[in-house]
């Protein structure tokens, strides 16, 4: 199996394949012959000296082998993740706000909380949960089927932090259209929120920052406006941005300025997950939403 033919179409010759695998060419040849003998079929087209490629049977075998190898990797990951989740409560999210909010309360949570700060692509939510990589993922939509379910937690909405000398700072509330042509400091990875602000603020420029530290430093020494949310406005990183500055917080009153937040998890994990998501210290009390910052 060390000489698995999936590499051969990429390198074309036995010598190139051997060089890539860092083994002797005879070893490649023996491995190929042994594989054909085990399967009882011919996998390679050897019509040109020292050049080799998979025949139709070989292509099918390579594709099926790739599936098997993927299943083996998934099996290994699932076992390791299962063992890890017995001792740790791992959470991830499609958007950053819920993670920052939860991280601020980590000392109050009875379980060993581990936060995955890399935002999850919506298309990967089911795979991440099924493979036990995460115990719960914060999503911007409800997922309910035979395997998963979602618990509604509340809404996140944006607020504008703007220089007090800007005329908009005098308003009690603004709309997205009021922000036309402004230049904003934003974090590069904010998940679904990025599309919302870019689609609803005409002709705006967005100065994307890769890290929270860069965002904080630039905001302290510039007059560019930036966004916070009801989940992040009281967090230490946000408060730090106001030091040495003269900014005010303005409400954004716009129908597009809201996002429902759900905790999504495997149904069989309900008894483990729901106590955390409904914990009183998170502000979840019957009709009261989890994210209780005003």
Protein backbone atom coordinates (compact mmCIF):
# COMPACT_ATOMS: atom_id res chain seq x y z
CA UNK A 1 0.00 0.00 0.00
CA UNK A 2 2.96 2.36 0.33
CA UNK A 3 3.06 2.45 -3.49
CA UNK A 4 -0.63 3.08 -3.95
CA UNK A 5 -1.28 3.94 -7.65
CA UNK A 6 -3.23 7.11 -6.90
CA UNK A 7 0.07 9.03 -7.26
CA UNK A 8 1.00 7.55 -10.64
CA UNK A 9 -1.27 9.66 -12.89
CA UNK A 10 0.28 12.75 -11.28
CA UNK A 11 3.91 11.81 -11.97
CA UNK A 12 3.69 9.70 -15.14
CA UNK A 13 6.83 7.62 -14.74
CA UNK A 14 8.11 5.07 -12.27
CA UNK A 15 11.22 7.13 -11.56
CA UNK A 16 9.20 10.30 -10.84
CA UNK A 17 6.84 8.36 -8.61
CA UNK A 18 9.72 6.76 -6.71
CA UNK A 19 11.37 10.14 -6.25
CA UNK A 20 8.14 11.63 -4.88
CA UNK A 21 7.70 8.74 -2.44
CA UNK A 22 11.40 8.82 -1.56
CA UNK A 23 11.83 5.09 -2.18
CA UNK A 24 13.67 3.01 -4.78
CA UNK A 25 12.05 2.45 -8.15
CA UNK A 26 12.07 -1.39 -7.79
CA UNK A 27 10.07 -0.97 -4.58
CA UNK A 28 7.39 0.91 -6.53
CA UNK A 29 7.32 -1.82 -9.18
CA UNK A 30 7.05 -4.62 -6.63
CA UNK A 31 4.27 -2.80 -4.79
CA UNK A 32 2.27 -2.35 -7.99
CA UNK A 33 2.63 -6.04 -8.97
CA UNK A 34 1.73 -7.19 -5.45
CA UNK A 35 -1.41 -5.08 -5.48
CA UNK A 36 -2.50 -6.49 -8.85
CA UNK A 37 -1.85 -10.05 -7.61
CA UNK A 38 -3.91 -9.46 -4.46
CA UNK A 39 -6.85 -8.12 -6.48
CA UNK A 40 -6.44 -10.56 -9.37
CA UNK A 41 -6.78 -7.82 -12.01
CA UNK A 42 -4.58 -5.58 -14.14
CA UNK A 43 -4.59 -1.97 -12.91
CA UNK A 44 -1.94 -0.32 -15.08
CA UNK A 45 -1.34 0.40 -18.74
CA UNK A 46 2.32 -0.53 -19.40
CA UNK A 47 2.29 -0.08 -23.18
CA UNK A 48 5.03 2.61 -23.11
CA UNK A 49 8.39 1.77 -21.53
CA UNK A 50 8.92 3.42 -18.11
CA UNK A 51 5.67 5.32 -18.55
CA UNK A 52 2.68 4.06 -16.66
CA UNK A 53 -0.88 5.09 -16.05
CA UNK A 54 -4.00 3.58 -14.56
CA UNK A 55 -6.35 1.68 -16.88
CA UNK A 56 -10.13 1.87 -16.42
CA UNK A 57 -10.07 -0.78 -13.71
CA UNK A 58 -7.21 1.01 -12.00
CA UNK A 59 -9.07 4.31 -12.04
CA UNK A 60 -12.09 2.68 -10.40
CA UNK A 61 -9.85 1.01 -7.82
CA UNK A 62 -8.10 4.31 -7.04
CA UNK A 63 -11.41 6.13 -6.59
CA UNK A 64 -12.80 3.41 -4.33
CA UNK A 65 -9.57 3.33 -2.34
CA UNK A 66 -9.76 7.08 -1.83
CA UNK A 67 -13.24 6.62 -0.36
CA UNK A 68 -12.00 3.88 1.95
CA UNK A 69 -9.05 5.96 3.13
CA UNK A 70 -11.40 8.86 3.82
CA UNK A 71 -13.65 6.54 5.84
CA UNK A 72 -10.64 5.32 7.83
CA UNK A 73 -9.62 8.91 8.57
CA UNK A 74 -13.18 9.79 9.58
CA UNK A 75 -13.36 6.71 11.79
CA UNK A 76 -10.12 7.65 13.56
CA UNK A 77 -11.19 11.27 14.02
CA UNK A 78 -14.58 10.25 15.36
CA UNK A 79 -13.12 7.90 17.97
CA UNK A 80 -10.55 10.48 19.11
CA UNK A 81 -13.17 13.24 19.20
CA UNK A 82 -15.57 11.06 21.18
CA UNK A 83 -12.93 10.39 23.81
CA UNK A 84 -12.00 14.09 23.95
CA UNK A 85 -15.62 15.23 24.34
CA UNK A 86 -16.05 13.00 27.39
CA UNK A 87 -13.92 15.49 29.29
CA UNK A 88 -14.33 18.74 27.34
CA UNK A 89 -17.27 20.74 26.00
CA UNK A 90 -16.22 22.04 22.59
CA UNK A 91 -18.21 24.83 20.92
CA UNK A 92 -17.91 26.58 17.57
CA UNK A 93 -19.95 29.09 15.62
CA UNK A 94 -20.81 30.46 12.19
CA UNK A 95 -20.43 34.02 13.56
CA UNK A 96 -18.03 35.39 16.20
CA UNK A 97 -20.39 37.19 18.59
CA UNK A 98 -21.72 34.16 20.52
CA UNK A 99 -18.18 32.85 21.04
CA UNK A 100 -16.98 36.12 22.57
CA UNK A 101 -20.05 36.28 24.77
CA UNK A 102 -19.59 32.71 25.99
CA UNK A 103 -15.86 33.16 26.52
CA UNK A 104 -16.51 36.10 28.86
CA UNK A 105 -18.60 33.78 31.05
CA UNK A 106 -16.23 30.80 30.88
CA UNK A 107 -15.26 31.03 34.56
CA UNK A 108 -18.91 30.64 35.55
CA UNK A 109 -19.45 27.48 33.50
CA UNK A 110 -19.14 24.17 35.32
CA UNK A 111 -17.82 22.18 32.35
CA UNK A 112 -14.36 22.43 30.76
CA UNK A 113 -15.24 24.69 27.87
CA UNK A 114 -13.09 24.68 24.73
CA UNK A 115 -13.84 27.30 22.08
CA UNK A 116 -12.97 26.76 18.44
CA UNK A 117 -12.43 30.34 17.21
CA UNK A 118 -12.26 29.36 13.53
CA UNK A 119 -15.71 30.12 12.15
CA UNK A 120 -17.62 27.20 10.67
CA UNK A 121 -18.79 27.30 7.07
CA UNK A 122 -22.57 26.65 6.97
CA UNK A 123 -21.99 23.68 4.69
CA UNK A 124 -19.72 22.07 7.32
CA UNK A 125 -22.06 22.25 10.32
CA UNK A 126 -23.53 18.76 9.89
CA UNK A 127 -20.14 17.14 9.27
CA UNK A 128 -18.50 18.86 12.27
CA UNK A 129 -21.25 17.66 14.61
CA UNK A 130 -21.56 14.17 13.13
CA UNK A 131 -17.82 13.64 13.45
CA UNK A 132 -18.02 14.76 17.10
CA UNK A 133 -15.54 17.56 16.51
CA UNK A 134 -17.88 20.02 18.24
CA UNK A 135 -20.50 19.47 20.92
CA UNK A 136 -22.56 22.49 19.85
CA UNK A 137 -22.33 24.99 16.99
CA UNK A 138 -24.00 28.41 17.04
CA UNK A 139 -25.89 28.79 13.77
CA UNK A 140 -27.89 31.62 12.19
CA UNK A 141 -30.74 29.28 11.24
CA UNK A 142 -32.62 26.37 12.74
CA UNK A 143 -31.62 22.81 11.80
CA UNK A 144 -34.07 20.03 12.66
CA UNK A 145 -33.95 16.53 11.19
CA UNK A 146 -33.56 12.95 12.37
CA UNK A 147 -30.00 13.60 13.58
CA UNK A 148 -29.82 17.26 14.66
CA UNK A 149 -31.89 19.86 16.43
CA UNK A 150 -31.51 23.56 17.28
CA UNK A 151 -32.42 25.55 20.37
CA UNK A 152 -33.35 29.19 19.77
CA UNK A 153 -31.13 31.44 21.93
CA UNK A 154 -31.84 35.00 20.89
CA UNK A 155 -30.95 37.68 18.36
CA UNK A 156 -27.74 39.49 17.63
CA UNK A 157 -27.85 42.99 16.18
CA UNK A 158 -25.21 45.57 15.32
CA UNK A 159 -24.52 48.99 16.77
CA UNK A 160 -22.35 51.72 15.32
CA UNK A 161 -19.32 53.12 17.12
CA UNK A 162 -18.58 56.48 15.54
CA UNK A 163 -16.54 59.58 16.20
CA UNK A 164 -18.54 62.07 18.28
CA UNK A 165 -17.80 64.85 15.78
CA UNK A 166 -19.52 62.99 12.95
CA UNK A 167 -23.06 64.38 12.33
CA UNK A 168 -24.46 60.85 12.58
CA UNK A 169 -23.31 60.73 16.20
CA UNK A 170 -26.03 63.22 17.06
CA UNK A 171 -28.78 60.88 15.93
CA UNK A 172 -30.59 58.53 18.27
CA UNK A 173 -30.60 55.85 15.57
CA UNK A 174 -29.43 55.39 11.97
CA UNK A 175 -30.25 53.03 9.13
CA UNK A 176 -27.79 51.16 6.96
CA UNK A 177 -28.48 53.59 4.11
CA UNK A 178 -27.48 56.50 6.37
CA UNK A 179 -23.99 54.96 6.37
CA UNK A 180 -23.56 55.28 2.59
CA UNK A 181 -19.98 55.98 1.42
CA UNK A 182 -18.44 55.69 4.88
CA UNK A 183 -15.23 53.74 5.50
CA UNK A 184 -15.40 51.14 8.27
CA UNK A 185 -12.92 49.11 10.25
CA UNK A 186 -14.07 45.48 10.26
CA UNK A 187 -12.70 42.09 11.19
CA UNK A 188 -12.06 40.01 8.10
CA UNK A 189 -13.91 36.96 9.34
CA UNK A 190 -17.32 37.82 10.76
CA UNK A 191 -19.31 35.10 9.04
CA UNK A 192 -22.80 35.98 7.83
CA UNK A 193 -22.57 39.56 9.08
CA UNK A 194 -20.08 40.51 6.39
CA UNK A 195 -22.57 39.88 3.60
CA UNK A 196 -25.30 41.76 5.47
CA UNK A 197 -23.34 44.99 5.91
CA UNK A 198 -21.78 44.88 2.43
CA UNK A 199 -25.16 44.27 0.78
CA UNK A 200 -27.02 46.95 2.73
CA UNK A 201 -24.57 49.86 2.97
CA UNK A 202 -24.22 51.44 -0.49
CA UNK A 203 -20.77 52.42 -1.75
CA UNK A 204 -19.07 51.78 1.57
CA UNK A 205 -15.42 50.79 2.02
CA UNK A 206 -14.36 48.15 4.52
CA UNK A 207 -10.84 48.08 5.93
CA UNK A 208 -10.57 44.41 6.89
CA UNK A 209 -8.32 43.43 9.78
CA UNK A 210 -7.08 39.90 10.36
CA UNK A 211 -6.92 40.08 14.14
CA UNK A 212 -8.74 41.65 17.08
CA UNK A 213 -5.46 43.22 18.26
CA UNK A 214 -4.99 45.01 14.94
CA UNK A 215 -8.60 46.15 15.02
CA UNK A 216 -8.18 47.52 18.54
CA UNK A 217 -4.93 49.37 17.80
CA UNK A 218 -6.16 51.02 14.60
CA UNK A 219 -9.47 52.03 16.15
CA UNK A 220 -7.64 53.77 19.00
CA UNK A 221 -5.57 55.87 16.61
CA UNK A 222 -8.10 56.61 13.88
CA UNK A 223 -11.56 58.04 13.42
CA UNK A 224 -12.92 55.20 11.31
CA UNK A 225 -16.28 53.90 12.57
CA UNK A 226 -16.72 50.23 13.41
CA UNK A 227 -19.48 47.87 14.46
CA UNK A 228 -20.15 46.13 17.75
CA UNK A 229 -23.13 43.99 18.67
CA UNK A 230 -25.33 43.45 21.68
CA UNK A 231 -23.16 40.39 22.37
CA UNK A 232 -19.78 42.10 22.11
CA UNK A 233 -20.32 45.68 23.31
CA UNK A 234 -19.32 44.92 26.91
CA UNK A 235 -16.45 42.56 26.19
CA UNK A 236 -12.90 43.61 27.22
CA UNK A 237 -11.63 43.82 23.62
CA UNK A 238 -14.46 46.19 22.71
CA UNK A 239 -14.04 48.36 25.78
CA UNK A 240 -10.31 48.61 25.02
CA UNK A 241 -11.06 50.26 21.67
CA UNK A 242 -12.59 53.26 23.42
CA UNK A 243 -9.50 54.14 25.41
CA UNK A 244 -8.01 57.41 24.29
CA UNK A 245 -10.79 57.99 21.79
CA UNK A 246 -13.92 60.07 21.55
CA UNK A 247 -16.62 57.79 20.20
CA UNK A 248 -20.30 57.27 20.84
CA UNK A 249 -22.51 54.26 20.30
CA UNK A 250 -25.45 54.74 17.94
CA UNK A 251 -28.30 52.30 17.45
CA UNK A 252 -28.83 50.91 13.94
CA UNK A 253 -32.58 50.78 13.38
CA UNK A 254 -32.87 48.76 10.20
CA UNK A 255 -35.00 45.70 9.34
CA UNK A 256 -31.90 43.90 8.04
CA UNK A 257 -29.98 44.47 11.26
CA UNK A 258 -30.77 41.29 13.12
CA UNK A 259 -29.71 37.69 13.16
CA UNK A 260 -31.37 34.83 15.00
CA UNK A 261 -28.94 32.63 16.92
CA UNK A 262 -29.45 28.92 17.58
CA UNK A 263 -27.44 26.32 19.43
CA UNK A 264 -27.33 23.30 17.11
CA UNK A 265 -26.29 19.84 18.29
CA UNK A 266 -26.84 16.12 17.86
CA UNK A 267 -30.20 15.01 19.26
CA UNK A 268 -28.53 12.28 21.26
CA UNK A 269 -26.48 15.01 23.02
CA UNK A 270 -29.60 16.90 24.16
CA UNK A 271 -29.24 16.03 27.83
CA UNK A 272 -25.62 17.20 27.83
CA UNK A 273 -26.02 20.36 25.73
CA UNK A 274 -29.29 21.90 26.84
CA UNK A 275 -28.26 22.44 30.50
CA UNK A 276 -25.43 24.68 29.29
CA UNK A 277 -27.57 26.57 26.79
CA UNK A 278 -30.35 27.09 29.35
CA UNK A 279 -28.07 27.96 32.28
CA UNK A 280 -29.34 30.88 34.42
CA UNK A 281 -25.95 32.64 34.38
CA UNK A 282 -26.31 32.98 30.61
CA UNK A 283 -29.56 34.89 31.05
CA UNK A 284 -31.82 32.13 29.70
CA UNK A 285 -35.02 32.15 31.75
CA UNK A 286 -38.11 30.79 30.00
CA UNK A 287 -39.13 33.63 27.66
CA UNK A 288 -35.95 35.61 28.27
CA UNK A 289 -33.39 35.26 25.51
CA UNK A 290 -29.98 33.78 26.24
CA UNK A 291 -28.05 36.81 24.98
CA UNK A 292 -29.24 39.32 27.56
CA UNK A 293 -26.89 42.28 26.94
CA UNK A 294 -28.97 45.36 26.05
